[in-house]
Structure formats: C-alpha cells, structure tokens
Amino acid sequence: MAPKRAGSLITRGKKRDPVIKEFTKKLLNSIHETKDEIELSRDALTEKASEHINDGDLILTYGCSHTLINFFIEAKESAQFEVIVCETAPGF
C-alpha cells in the first residue's frame, strides 16, 4: 500500500486532523508575519538611500530588483547620480 501524500491531509472540503489544522494555521500565520517583516525591511532600506548615495556617484550593479529601483528613486530626491546595470532579467 502506498503511503499517503502530505498534501492530501490538508485538502479543502475534507475532514482534517485537528493537529494538521492547527499546524496549517500556525504555518500560514508565520508566512504572513515573515512577509510583513520583509516589506518593513524593504521600506527601511529605501529610507536610508540618501545616506548612501552622493552627487556625482556612478553606481555599478549586476542586476536590478524592485527594491533597488525604489532605493534609487528615493536617492534621486537628494542627489544626481548614474547607474549602470550589467545584466538584468527579462521584464526589468
């Protein structure tokens, strides 16, 4: 007999084991907390942009991300600088 797959224990519409239900609840809560912490960290990083970039700076970066773009947008309010992106993924 094949073992039960873990995914089948938490399928919607079926009666779930209370332990699995509580575990799922705690896991989802932890995921949401982690997401919130990441967003707060991203905001805090962006706020520090003007402390790290000065007028006339030439910045070389390997790639690009939304966090980096927001960082540069924030820095642009207090300094004029150039950015060179060596490589980037499609869509940026």
Protein backbone atom coordinates (compact mmCIF):
# COMPACT_ATOMS: atom_id res chain seq x y z
CA MET A 1 0.00 0.00 0.00
CA ALA A 2 1.35 3.44 -0.98
CA PRO A 3 1.88 5.99 1.81
CA LYS A 4 -0.49 8.96 2.00
CA ARG A 5 0.78 12.14 0.47
CA ALA A 6 1.23 15.07 2.84
CA GLY A 7 -0.83 17.31 0.56
CA SER A 8 -3.87 15.06 0.90
CA LEU A 9 -4.02 15.72 4.65
CA ILE A 10 -4.81 19.41 4.21
CA THR A 11 -7.18 19.28 1.24
CA ARG A 12 -10.14 21.63 1.49
CA GLY A 13 -13.56 20.14 1.98
CA LYS A 14 -12.33 17.03 3.78
CA LYS A 15 -12.32 16.48 7.50
CA ARG A 16 -8.86 17.39 8.74
CA ASP A 17 -6.94 16.11 11.69
CA PRO A 18 -7.00 18.84 14.42
CA VAL A 19 -3.21 18.67 14.69
CA ILE A 20 -2.82 19.27 10.96
CA LYS A 21 -5.40 22.07 11.11
CA GLU A 22 -3.53 23.81 13.94
CA PHE A 23 -0.19 23.30 12.21
CA THR A 24 -1.58 24.80 8.99
CA LYS A 25 -2.95 27.79 10.89
CA LYS A 26 0.40 28.43 12.60
CA LEU A 27 2.32 27.96 9.36
CA LEU A 28 0.16 30.44 7.45
CA ASN A 29 0.45 32.93 10.32
CA SER A 30 4.25 32.60 10.26
CA ILE A 31 4.31 33.11 6.49
CA HIS A 32 2.26 36.31 6.81
CA GLU A 33 4.50 37.60 9.63
CA THR A 34 7.62 36.91 7.56
CA LYS A 35 6.12 38.69 4.55
CA ASP A 36 5.32 41.72 6.71
CA GLU A 37 8.87 41.78 8.11
CA ILE A 38 10.34 41.66 4.61
CA GLU A 39 8.15 44.56 3.48
CA LEU A 40 9.13 46.62 6.53
CA SER A 41 12.81 45.86 5.90
CA ARG A 42 12.44 46.93 2.27
CA ASP A 43 10.85 50.22 3.35
CA ALA A 44 13.56 50.85 5.96
CA LEU A 45 16.27 50.19 3.37
CA THR A 46 14.72 52.60 0.90
CA GLU A 47 14.51 55.34 3.54
CA LYS A 48 18.31 55.14 4.01
CA ALA A 49 19.08 55.74 0.32
CA SER A 50 20.06 59.39 0.72
CA GLU A 51 22.68 58.39 3.30
CA HIS A 52 24.49 56.10 0.86
CA ILE A 53 24.39 57.89 -2.49
CA ASN A 54 26.02 61.27 -3.14
CA ASP A 55 26.02 63.76 -6.01
CA GLY A 56 28.14 62.58 -8.90
CA ASP A 57 28.26 58.91 -7.85
CA LEU A 58 28.47 56.27 -10.55
CA ILE A 59 26.83 53.08 -9.35
CA LEU A 60 27.52 49.72 -10.99
CA THR A 61 25.08 46.93 -10.17
CA TYR A 62 24.94 43.41 -11.50
CA GLY A 63 21.19 43.10 -11.53
CA CYS A 64 18.05 45.01 -10.76
CA SER A 65 15.07 44.49 -8.46
CA HIS A 66 12.02 46.44 -7.37
CA THR A 67 13.75 47.14 -4.06
CA LEU A 68 16.80 48.53 -5.84
CA ILE A 69 14.67 50.66 -8.16
CA ASN A 70 12.80 52.12 -5.19
CA PHE A 71 16.15 52.74 -3.46
CA PHE A 72 17.40 54.73 -6.47
CA ILE A 73 14.15 56.66 -6.78
CA GLU A 74 14.43 57.71 -3.16
CA ALA A 75 18.11 58.65 -3.55
CA LYS A 76 17.31 60.75 -6.64
CA GLU A 77 15.45 63.22 -4.42
CA SER A 78 18.71 64.30 -2.79
CA ALA A 79 21.47 63.51 -5.32
CA GLN A 80 22.25 63.30 -9.02
CA PHE A 81 23.98 60.04 -9.95
CA GLU A 82 24.29 57.49 -12.72
CA VAL A 83 23.52 53.78 -12.59
CA ILE A 84 24.92 51.07 -14.83
CA VAL A 85 23.17 47.69 -14.74
CA CYS A 86 25.46 44.97 -16.11
CA GLU A 87 22.81 42.33 -16.52
CA THR A 88 19.13 42.08 -15.88
CA ALA A 89 16.39 39.51 -16.21
CA PRO A 90 13.58 39.88 -18.73
CA GLY A 91 10.90 42.22 -17.56
CA PHE A 92 13.07 44.80 -15.80
